[in-house]
Amino acid sequence: MTSETSNEHNASPADRARTLRELHAAPEILQVVNVWDVVSAKAVLALPQTKALATAGHSIAASFGYPDGTIPLELTLDMVGRIVAAAGDVPVSADLDDGYEDPAETTRRAIDVGIIGANVEDRLRPVTEAAARVEAIVAAAASEGVPFALNARTDAFVRAGDRPVEESIADAIDRGRAYLAAGADVVFVPGVLSADVTRQLVEGIGDRKISVIGLPGALTAGEYEALGVARISYGPTTQRVALTALQDVAKILYADGVIPASTRALN
């Protein structure tokens, strides 16, 4: 990595991991704006509100031309390592899809590039199998001396199909409890969650123990905070906002327009 993309780490990986876990446990909801490369990371890092970064696996995959969930691990680790180098002491949590074939080895390799927390999805594997994978991730991180901040994702809603929402709530609670018992820091339940559903999930899994995604139609960060949610991220939607802006300005330029004067030199 070049010096232009690297900031010195004064805090150890273990210290950065503890910082992220403390942010999860704080009374205030942790807002992480998802990034997908060094320049997007630097744009977010420049804001004083940024306490941590999260990478968007979907967005990184799209940048390399892969559908979500199919990018080779080597490409993901190369990019997230570059983001970590740019982030300095700001903790970075990575989207590691489902942990790949060997989630313990994936975790060790992620720690090698400076990752101190991750999202890992269950893809609705049987709950005992999924919990065993969580346990393997936590144990691998412990063997590296890192109190890994695992945001264990359950796809109880996003892969629910047409089953009743009550069944998805019960499934998410069952899985969430199992993942916390296996050592996860928090449980990520993506989906457009109403206040009532969120309240039930918090009651079932624990206060400041669930993580949500901010999608169109979802509640605000403040509303989720009031319900006891620990963390909110935004997944691929941040890249979609950036690409929407790019496509919109391209239309203006094709119509013989000019670059807007309000454009900031963020690269």
Protein backbone atom coordinates (compact mmCIF):
# COMPACT_ATOMS: atom_id res chain seq x y z
CA MET A 1 0.00 0.00 0.00
CA THR A 2 1.22 3.49 -0.77
CA SER A 3 1.69 6.19 1.84
CA GLU A 4 -1.13 8.12 0.17
CA THR A 5 -3.64 5.47 1.23
CA SER A 6 -2.23 4.62 4.67
CA ASN A 7 -2.68 6.26 8.07
CA GLU A 8 -0.67 5.13 11.05
CA HIS A 9 -2.39 2.89 13.60
CA ASN A 10 -1.66 4.04 17.15
CA ALA A 11 -4.28 1.74 18.66
CA SER A 12 -3.77 -2.02 18.49
CA PRO A 13 -6.31 -4.29 16.76
CA ALA A 14 -7.50 -5.42 20.20
CA ASP A 15 -7.99 -1.80 21.28
CA ARG A 16 -9.93 -0.99 18.11
CA ALA A 17 -12.09 -4.07 18.64
CA ARG A 18 -12.85 -3.03 22.22
CA THR A 19 -13.76 0.44 20.98
CA LEU A 20 -16.26 -0.99 18.52
CA ARG A 21 -17.80 -3.24 21.17
CA GLU A 22 -18.12 -0.25 23.51
CA LEU A 23 -19.88 1.69 20.74
CA HIS A 24 -22.33 -1.21 20.34
CA ALA A 25 -23.09 -1.21 24.06
CA ALA A 26 -23.44 2.58 24.44
CA PRO A 27 -26.86 4.13 25.08
CA GLU A 28 -26.58 6.03 21.78
CA ILE A 29 -27.19 4.08 18.61
CA LEU A 30 -24.05 3.54 16.54
CA GLN A 31 -24.53 4.83 13.00
CA VAL A 32 -22.10 3.36 10.47
CA VAL A 33 -22.19 4.71 6.93
CA ASN A 34 -21.14 1.89 4.62
CA VAL A 35 -18.18 2.37 2.30
CA TRP A 36 -16.75 0.27 -0.53
CA ASP A 37 -13.31 1.64 -1.40
CA VAL A 38 -10.64 4.01 -0.11
CA VAL A 39 -12.06 7.21 -1.57
CA SER A 40 -15.57 6.54 -0.22
CA ALA A 41 -14.01 5.72 3.16
CA LYS A 42 -12.02 8.97 3.18
CA ALA A 43 -15.14 10.99 2.36
CA VAL A 44 -16.92 9.54 5.40
CA LEU A 45 -13.85 9.65 7.64
CA ALA A 46 -13.60 13.41 7.03
CA LEU A 47 -16.83 13.91 8.98
CA PRO A 48 -16.42 14.44 12.76
CA GLN A 49 -19.50 12.31 13.45
CA THR A 50 -17.74 9.17 12.16
CA LYS A 51 -16.93 6.84 15.06
CA ALA A 52 -16.53 3.63 13.05
CA LEU A 53 -16.70 2.39 9.47
CA ALA A 54 -18.48 -0.59 7.98
CA THR A 55 -17.79 -1.98 4.54
CA ALA A 56 -20.65 -2.98 2.24
CA GLY A 57 -20.03 -6.40 0.74
CA HIS A 58 -22.70 -5.87 -1.90
CA SER A 59 -21.06 -2.60 -2.97
CA ILE A 60 -17.53 -4.02 -3.09
CA ALA A 61 -18.78 -6.96 -5.14
CA ALA A 62 -20.57 -4.61 -7.54
CA SER A 63 -17.41 -2.53 -7.93
CA PHE A 64 -15.60 -5.62 -9.19
CA GLY A 65 -18.51 -6.82 -11.33
CA TYR A 66 -19.73 -9.63 -9.06
CA PRO A 67 -23.28 -10.27 -7.87
CA ASP A 68 -23.75 -9.87 -4.12
CA GLY A 69 -22.38 -12.82 -2.17
CA THR A 70 -20.17 -14.21 -4.96
CA ILE A 71 -16.99 -12.10 -4.77
CA PRO A 72 -13.81 -14.11 -4.06
CA LEU A 73 -12.52 -13.67 -0.53
CA GLU A 74 -9.11 -12.50 -1.78
CA LEU A 75 -10.66 -9.47 -3.51
CA THR A 76 -12.73 -8.58 -0.45
CA LEU A 77 -9.74 -8.82 1.88
CA ASP A 78 -7.58 -6.71 -0.43
CA MET A 79 -10.16 -3.92 -0.51
CA VAL A 80 -11.07 -3.98 3.18
CA GLY A 81 -7.37 -4.00 4.04
CA ARG A 82 -6.91 -0.82 2.02
CA ILE A 83 -9.87 0.75 3.82
CA VAL A 84 -8.42 -0.22 7.20
CA ALA A 85 -5.10 1.38 6.23
CA ALA A 86 -6.90 4.62 5.33
CA ALA A 87 -8.95 4.58 8.54
CA GLY A 88 -6.12 4.84 11.05
CA ASP A 89 -7.48 4.26 14.54
CA VAL A 90 -11.13 4.34 13.46
CA PRO A 91 -12.40 0.76 13.84
CA VAL A 92 -13.53 -0.97 10.65
CA SER A 93 -16.13 -3.73 10.56
CA ALA A 94 -16.20 -5.77 7.34
CA ASP A 95 -18.99 -7.56 5.53
CA LEU A 96 -17.63 -11.10 5.13
CA ASP A 97 -20.73 -12.56 3.46
CA ASP A 98 -21.40 -15.97 5.09
CA GLY A 99 -17.82 -16.47 6.25
CA TYR A 100 -16.99 -18.52 3.17
CA GLU A 101 -16.10 -22.22 3.40
CA ASP A 102 -14.07 -21.93 6.60
CA PRO A 103 -15.32 -19.01 8.73
CA ALA A 104 -12.54 -19.43 11.30
CA GLU A 105 -9.82 -19.14 8.67
CA THR A 106 -11.69 -16.25 7.03
CA THR A 107 -11.68 -14.47 10.38
CA ARG A 108 -7.97 -15.00 10.92
CA ARG A 109 -7.24 -13.64 7.45
CA ALA A 110 -9.49 -10.64 8.05
CA ILE A 111 -7.69 -9.87 11.32
CA ASP A 112 -4.39 -10.08 9.42
CA VAL A 113 -5.46 -7.08 7.30
CA GLY A 114 -6.69 -5.13 10.34
CA ILE A 115 -10.40 -6.00 10.51
CA ILE A 116 -11.64 -6.12 14.10
CA GLY A 117 -15.32 -6.87 13.57
CA ALA A 118 -17.59 -8.26 10.89
CA ASN A 119 -21.03 -9.05 9.60
CA VAL A 120 -21.43 -12.74 8.83
CA GLU A 121 -24.79 -13.95 7.56
CA ASP A 122 -26.49 -17.27 8.34
CA ARG A 123 -28.33 -17.68 5.00
CA LEU A 124 -30.89 -19.57 7.10
CA ARG A 125 -28.66 -22.55 7.72
CA PRO A 126 -30.01 -24.76 10.53
CA VAL A 127 -29.64 -22.75 13.72
CA THR A 128 -27.26 -25.22 15.39
CA GLU A 129 -24.97 -25.18 12.35
CA ALA A 130 -25.12 -21.39 12.10
CA ALA A 131 -24.37 -21.00 15.82
CA ALA A 132 -21.40 -23.35 15.50
CA ARG A 133 -20.01 -21.11 12.75
CA VAL A 134 -20.42 -18.09 15.04
CA GLU A 135 -18.58 -19.95 17.78
CA ALA A 136 -15.76 -20.80 15.35
CA ILE A 137 -15.39 -17.15 14.35
CA VAL A 138 -15.23 -15.96 17.95
CA ALA A 139 -12.73 -18.68 18.91
CA ALA A 140 -10.50 -17.90 15.93
CA ALA A 141 -10.45 -14.21 16.84
CA ALA A 142 -9.68 -15.01 20.47
CA SER A 143 -6.73 -17.13 19.36
CA GLU A 144 -5.43 -14.01 17.58
CA GLY A 145 -5.89 -11.90 20.73
CA VAL A 146 -8.72 -9.81 19.27
CA PRO A 147 -12.11 -9.41 21.06
CA PHE A 148 -13.83 -9.50 17.67
CA ALA A 149 -17.03 -7.46 17.40
CA LEU A 150 -19.17 -9.97 15.51
CA ASN A 151 -22.42 -8.56 14.12
CA ALA A 152 -24.01 -11.96 13.51
CA ARG A 153 -26.60 -11.58 10.77
CA THR A 154 -29.75 -13.60 10.51
CA ASP A 155 -31.67 -13.69 7.24
CA ALA A 156 -34.92 -14.50 9.06
CA PHE A 157 -36.65 -11.62 7.26
CA VAL A 158 -34.77 -11.14 3.99
CA ARG A 159 -35.03 -14.84 3.08
CA ALA A 160 -38.44 -15.38 4.65
CA GLY A 161 -40.37 -15.79 1.43
CA ASP A 162 -44.09 -15.64 2.09
CA ARG A 163 -44.12 -16.99 5.63
CA PRO A 164 -46.07 -14.94 8.22
CA VAL A 165 -44.10 -12.16 9.90
CA GLU A 166 -44.76 -13.72 13.31
CA GLU A 167 -42.77 -16.77 12.23
CA SER A 168 -39.88 -14.58 11.08
CA ILE A 169 -39.89 -12.73 14.41
CA ALA A 170 -39.79 -16.00 16.35
CA ASP A 171 -37.05 -17.37 14.08
CA ALA A 172 -34.95 -14.21 14.42
CA ILE A 173 -35.26 -14.30 18.21
CA ASP A 174 -34.33 -17.98 18.38
CA ARG A 175 -31.33 -17.45 16.14
CA GLY A 176 -30.31 -14.21 17.82
CA ARG A 177 -30.24 -15.81 21.26
CA ALA A 178 -28.21 -18.72 19.91
CA TYR A 179 -25.68 -16.43 18.25
CA LEU A 180 -25.23 -14.31 21.37
CA ALA A 181 -24.75 -17.47 23.42
CA ALA A 182 -22.09 -18.54 20.89
CA GLY A 183 -20.21 -15.29 21.47
CA ALA A 184 -21.58 -12.76 18.96
CA ASP A 185 -21.46 -9.14 20.07
CA VAL A 186 -24.75 -8.09 18.46
CA VAL A 187 -27.31 -9.63 16.10
CA PHE A 188 -28.01 -8.07 12.71
CA VAL A 189 -31.61 -8.41 11.52
CA PRO A 190 -31.83 -6.76 8.09
CA GLY A 191 -35.21 -5.85 6.62
CA VAL A 192 -37.63 -2.94 6.78
CA LEU A 193 -38.57 -3.32 10.45
CA SER A 194 -41.58 -1.50 11.87
CA ALA A 195 -41.61 -0.13 15.41
CA ASP A 196 -43.75 -3.06 16.59
CA VAL A 197 -41.49 -5.70 15.04
CA THR A 198 -38.38 -3.96 16.34
CA ARG A 199 -39.85 -3.79 19.84
CA GLN A 200 -40.52 -7.53 19.80
CA LEU A 201 -37.01 -8.29 18.56
CA VAL A 202 -35.41 -6.14 21.27
CA GLU A 203 -37.57 -7.76 23.94
CA GLY A 204 -36.67 -11.21 22.65
CA ILE A 205 -32.96 -10.77 21.91
CA GLY A 206 -31.92 -8.00 24.29
CA ASP A 207 -31.60 -4.25 24.76
CA ARG A 208 -28.67 -2.82 22.72
CA LYS A 209 -28.17 -6.29 21.23
CA ILE A 210 -29.67 -5.92 17.79
CA SER A 211 -28.45 -4.18 14.66
CA VAL A 212 -30.68 -2.96 11.83
CA ILE A 213 -30.38 -1.55 8.32
CA GLY A 214 -31.64 1.84 7.24
CA LEU A 215 -33.61 1.29 4.06
CA PRO A 216 -36.26 3.40 2.31
CA GLY A 217 -39.39 3.00 4.42
CA ALA A 218 -37.52 2.08 7.61
CA LEU A 219 -37.52 4.08 10.84
CA THR A 220 -34.97 6.80 11.53
CA ALA A 221 -31.85 6.14 13.57
CA GLY A 222 -33.34 8.11 16.48
CA GLU A 223 -36.52 6.05 16.42
CA TYR A 224 -34.56 2.81 16.45
CA GLU A 225 -32.38 4.13 19.27
CA ALA A 226 -35.47 4.83 21.39
CA LEU A 227 -36.53 1.20 20.87
CA GLY A 228 -33.21 -0.16 22.20
CA VAL A 229 -31.34 -0.87 18.94
CA ALA A 230 -27.53 -0.88 19.18
CA ARG A 231 -26.46 -0.15 15.62
CA ILE A 232 -27.75 0.96 12.24
CA SER A 233 -25.95 0.59 8.92
CA TYR A 234 -27.03 1.29 5.37
CA GLY A 235 -25.67 -1.55 3.26
CA PRO A 236 -25.50 -0.99 -0.52
CA THR A 237 -27.79 2.05 -0.42
CA THR A 238 -24.90 4.51 0.08
CA GLN A 239 -23.28 3.34 -3.14
CA ARG A 240 -26.66 3.59 -4.86
CA VAL A 241 -26.91 7.22 -3.78
CA ALA A 242 -23.44 7.90 -5.20
CA LEU A 243 -24.23 6.11 -8.47
CA THR A 244 -27.55 7.94 -8.75
CA ALA A 245 -25.69 11.24 -8.47
CA LEU A 246 -23.19 10.09 -11.11
CA GLN A 247 -25.89 9.02 -13.54
CA ASP A 248 -27.88 12.21 -12.95
CA VAL A 249 -24.89 14.46 -13.61
CA ALA A 250 -24.05 12.43 -16.70
CA LYS A 251 -27.52 13.24 -18.05
CA ILE A 252 -26.87 16.93 -17.38
CA LEU A 253 -23.53 16.77 -19.19
CA TYR A 254 -25.00 14.91 -22.17
CA ALA A 255 -27.59 17.70 -22.37
CA ASP A 256 -24.71 20.18 -22.79
CA GLY A 257 -24.74 21.14 -19.13
CA VAL A 258 -21.82 21.82 -16.80
CA ILE A 259 -20.56 20.35 -13.55
CA PRO A 260 -22.53 21.97 -10.68
CA ALA A 261 -20.58 24.71 -8.88
CA SER A 262 -21.54 23.11 -5.55
CA THR A 263 -19.41 20.03 -6.31
CA ARG A 264 -16.78 19.45 -3.63
CA ALA A 265 -13.29 18.11 -4.39
CA LEU A 266 -13.51 14.98 -2.22
CA ASN A 267 -11.06 12.90 -4.25
